[in-house]
């Protein structure tokens, strides 16, 4: 790559804002009730002068990405694992939809997304769409953070299908799942499926 091309590329990155959305992994962080907890354990080896730790975590602890096979019980793991998701599907222009005034257990409809677009800007092909329900403010170690694992809002099936039709790259939320709490608890989980 020529020096001119490198300079052009560098100038493009000066206009980018990278936003870290991850919660810190810490003992006592909120986890879904059926998932194992996160542990950061001292690994003490008398013959090694270094201080070392081992980490034990569930694949859904903290900020995470669901693998395509997450709700595909018969899917061959090698074909639909998280390692098969190209990184370029997780990087790109992001649009944040503020639904922080939604009540607990609210299910966002297609019409609500369309209204948001009318009032703000259209969601474009290849956008990454993040739903801010204000739930990130509830993220605290347990037992104080217990509220984050109950009654979270989420998307409805038609809303998810609408985003698929728009060919967005990825969809995220500050809640435990894209499905609302009630749809996870009742086992329907239409957005996961």
Protein backbone atom coordinates (compact mmCIF):
# COMPACT_ATOMS: atom_id res chain seq x y z
CA UNK A 1 0.00 0.00 0.00
CA UNK A 2 1.40 3.39 -0.97
CA UNK A 3 2.12 6.10 1.60
CA UNK A 4 -0.65 8.26 0.07
CA UNK A 5 -3.19 5.46 0.54
CA UNK A 6 -2.04 4.95 4.13
CA UNK A 7 -2.42 8.69 4.83
CA UNK A 8 -5.93 8.66 3.31
CA UNK A 9 -6.88 5.68 5.44
CA UNK A 10 -5.47 7.31 8.58
CA UNK A 11 -7.41 10.51 7.90
CA UNK A 12 -10.64 8.51 7.64
CA UNK A 13 -10.05 6.99 11.08
CA UNK A 14 -9.67 10.45 12.64
CA UNK A 15 -13.39 10.98 12.03
CA UNK A 16 -14.47 7.68 13.60
CA UNK A 17 -15.67 7.37 17.14
CA UNK A 18 -15.14 3.94 18.64
CA UNK A 19 -17.54 3.19 21.46
CA UNK A 20 -16.85 0.41 23.95
CA UNK A 21 -20.15 -1.16 24.98
CA UNK A 22 -18.86 -4.02 27.12
CA UNK A 23 -19.42 -4.40 30.83
CA UNK A 24 -16.38 -5.42 32.87
CA UNK A 25 -16.18 -9.08 33.77
CA UNK A 26 -16.30 -9.22 37.55
CA UNK A 27 -17.32 -11.69 40.20
CA UNK A 28 -20.92 -11.18 41.25
CA UNK A 29 -21.98 -9.63 37.94
CA UNK A 30 -25.58 -10.32 36.88
CA UNK A 31 -26.17 -13.57 35.01
CA UNK A 32 -29.27 -15.21 33.69
CA UNK A 33 -30.64 -17.51 36.44
CA UNK A 34 -29.94 -20.79 34.57
CA UNK A 35 -26.39 -19.79 33.60
CA UNK A 36 -23.24 -20.37 35.62
CA UNK A 37 -21.56 -17.47 37.38
CA UNK A 38 -18.27 -15.77 36.48
CA UNK A 39 -15.19 -16.67 38.54
CA UNK A 40 -11.73 -15.08 38.54
CA UNK A 41 -9.60 -17.46 40.59
CA UNK A 42 -6.01 -17.22 41.74
CA UNK A 43 -3.91 -19.95 40.15
CA UNK A 44 -1.17 -20.41 42.69
CA UNK A 45 1.74 -22.49 41.50
CA UNK A 46 4.54 -22.63 44.10
CA UNK A 47 7.20 -23.23 41.45
CA UNK A 48 6.19 -20.22 39.31
CA UNK A 49 7.17 -16.71 40.47
CA UNK A 50 4.39 -15.05 38.42
CA UNK A 51 0.95 -14.18 39.74
CA UNK A 52 -1.66 -15.90 37.58
CA UNK A 53 -5.41 -16.31 37.50
CA UNK A 54 -7.81 -18.62 35.75
CA UNK A 55 -11.14 -17.46 34.42
CA UNK A 56 -14.27 -19.57 34.49
CA UNK A 57 -17.25 -18.15 32.66
CA UNK A 58 -20.42 -19.12 30.88
CA UNK A 59 -20.55 -18.21 27.18
CA UNK A 60 -23.39 -15.81 28.01
CA UNK A 61 -21.73 -14.04 30.96
CA UNK A 62 -21.50 -10.29 30.61
CA UNK A 63 -21.52 -8.54 27.28
CA UNK A 64 -21.61 -11.23 24.63
CA UNK A 65 -22.67 -12.18 21.12
CA UNK A 66 -25.07 -15.04 20.56
CA UNK A 67 -23.73 -17.54 18.05
CA UNK A 68 -26.02 -18.35 15.11
CA UNK A 69 -26.45 -21.85 16.55
CA UNK A 70 -27.70 -20.55 19.92
CA UNK A 71 -31.30 -21.58 19.18
CA UNK A 72 -30.53 -24.25 16.57
CA UNK A 73 -30.33 -27.49 18.59
CA UNK A 74 -29.60 -29.64 15.54
CA UNK A 75 -27.11 -27.27 13.90
CA UNK A 76 -23.61 -28.60 13.32
CA UNK A 77 -21.48 -26.50 15.67
CA UNK A 78 -18.61 -26.08 13.25
CA UNK A 79 -20.78 -24.40 10.64
CA UNK A 80 -22.75 -22.04 12.89
CA UNK A 81 -20.40 -21.27 15.78
CA UNK A 82 -19.45 -17.76 16.80
CA UNK A 83 -16.03 -18.34 15.22
CA UNK A 84 -17.75 -18.42 11.83
CA UNK A 85 -19.15 -14.88 12.17
CA UNK A 86 -16.83 -12.60 10.16
CA UNK A 87 -15.50 -9.65 12.19
CA UNK A 88 -16.64 -7.23 9.49
CA UNK A 89 -20.23 -8.13 10.48
CA UNK A 90 -19.55 -6.60 13.90
CA UNK A 91 -17.81 -3.41 12.84
CA UNK A 92 -19.38 -0.52 10.98
CA UNK A 93 -21.77 2.39 11.14
CA UNK A 94 -24.01 2.18 14.17
CA UNK A 95 -27.37 3.71 14.84
CA UNK A 96 -28.71 3.83 18.40
CA UNK A 97 -32.44 3.77 18.99
CA UNK A 98 -33.32 5.30 22.32
CA UNK A 99 -36.17 3.39 23.93
CA UNK A 100 -35.08 4.19 27.49
CA UNK A 101 -38.56 5.39 28.40
CA UNK A 102 -39.99 1.92 27.66
CA UNK A 103 -41.65 0.26 30.63
CA UNK A 104 -40.32 -3.06 31.96
CA UNK A 105 -41.21 -6.07 29.81
CA UNK A 106 -42.13 -3.82 26.87
CA UNK A 107 -41.96 -5.41 23.43
CA UNK A 108 -40.92 -2.98 20.68
CA UNK A 109 -43.07 -3.21 17.55
CA UNK A 110 -42.22 -2.68 13.89
CA UNK A 111 -44.38 0.44 13.98
CA UNK A 112 -42.36 1.90 16.86
CA UNK A 113 -39.14 1.42 14.90
CA UNK A 114 -40.71 3.05 11.83
CA UNK A 115 -41.87 5.98 13.97
CA UNK A 116 -38.33 6.32 15.34
CA UNK A 117 -37.02 6.41 11.75
CA UNK A 118 -39.52 9.11 10.77
CA UNK A 119 -38.47 11.26 13.72
CA UNK A 120 -34.71 10.63 13.45
CA UNK A 121 -33.23 8.96 10.37
CA UNK A 122 -33.84 5.85 8.29
CA UNK A 123 -32.09 2.63 9.17
CA UNK A 124 -29.92 1.70 6.22
CA UNK A 125 -28.63 -1.57 4.82
CA UNK A 126 -25.44 -2.66 6.65
CA UNK A 127 -26.17 -0.49 9.71
CA UNK A 128 -25.56 -1.94 13.14
CA UNK A 129 -28.62 -1.21 15.27
CA UNK A 130 -28.32 -0.86 19.04
CA UNK A 131 -31.40 -0.56 21.26
CA UNK A 132 -30.78 1.59 24.32
CA UNK A 133 -33.44 0.69 26.86
CA UNK A 134 -31.52 2.37 29.69
CA UNK A 135 -30.98 -1.07 31.18
CA UNK A 136 -27.19 -0.55 31.24
CA UNK A 137 -27.74 1.79 34.19
CA UNK A 138 -29.04 -1.16 36.23
CA UNK A 139 -25.85 -3.21 35.68
CA UNK A 140 -24.30 -3.70 39.11
CA UNK A 141 -22.89 -6.69 40.98
CA UNK A 142 -25.47 -8.90 42.65
CA UNK A 143 -27.53 -8.64 44.78
CA UNK A 144 -27.81 -4.91 44.00
CA UNK A 145 -27.93 -5.59 40.23
CA UNK A 146 -30.66 -8.21 40.42
CA UNK A 147 -33.11 -5.86 38.69
CA UNK A 148 -31.19 -6.19 35.40
CA UNK A 149 -32.05 -9.90 35.12
CA UNK A 150 -35.81 -9.41 35.44
CA UNK A 151 -38.51 -7.81 33.29
CA UNK A 152 -36.20 -6.34 30.65
CA UNK A 153 -37.74 -4.92 27.45
CA UNK A 154 -36.96 -6.29 24.01
CA UNK A 155 -38.03 -6.62 20.39
CA UNK A 156 -41.09 -8.28 18.97
CA UNK A 157 -40.99 -10.78 16.12
CA UNK A 158 -42.28 -8.28 13.52
CA UNK A 159 -39.71 -5.70 14.65
CA UNK A 160 -36.90 -8.25 14.21
CA UNK A 161 -38.24 -9.29 10.79
CA UNK A 162 -38.37 -5.61 9.76
CA UNK A 163 -34.68 -5.20 10.63
CA UNK A 164 -33.88 -8.37 8.68
CA UNK A 165 -35.74 -6.96 5.66
CA UNK A 166 -33.63 -3.80 5.95
CA UNK A 167 -30.53 -6.06 5.83
CA UNK A 168 -28.86 -4.62 8.90
CA UNK A 169 -25.50 -6.14 9.86
CA UNK A 170 -26.19 -6.72 13.53
CA UNK A 171 -28.64 -5.84 16.30
CA UNK A 172 -27.73 -5.28 19.93
CA UNK A 173 -29.33 -4.31 23.20
CA UNK A 174 -28.33 -3.25 26.70
CA UNK A 175 -30.59 -5.96 28.13
CA UNK A 176 -29.99 -9.65 28.81
CA UNK A 177 -31.46 -10.62 25.41
CA UNK A 178 -33.09 -9.17 22.30
CA UNK A 179 -36.34 -10.90 23.25
CA UNK A 180 -38.22 -9.29 26.10
CA UNK A 181 -38.08 -11.03 29.47
CA UNK A 182 -41.63 -12.37 29.15
CA UNK A 183 -40.82 -14.00 25.78
CA UNK A 184 -37.71 -15.65 27.20
CA UNK A 185 -39.51 -16.90 30.31
CA UNK A 186 -42.47 -18.30 28.36
CA UNK A 187 -40.06 -20.13 26.04
CA UNK A 188 -41.28 -18.54 22.79
CA UNK A 189 -38.18 -16.33 22.22
CA UNK A 190 -39.30 -15.31 18.70
CA UNK A 191 -36.39 -12.92 18.10
CA UNK A 192 -33.80 -15.55 18.99
CA UNK A 193 -35.44 -17.92 16.54
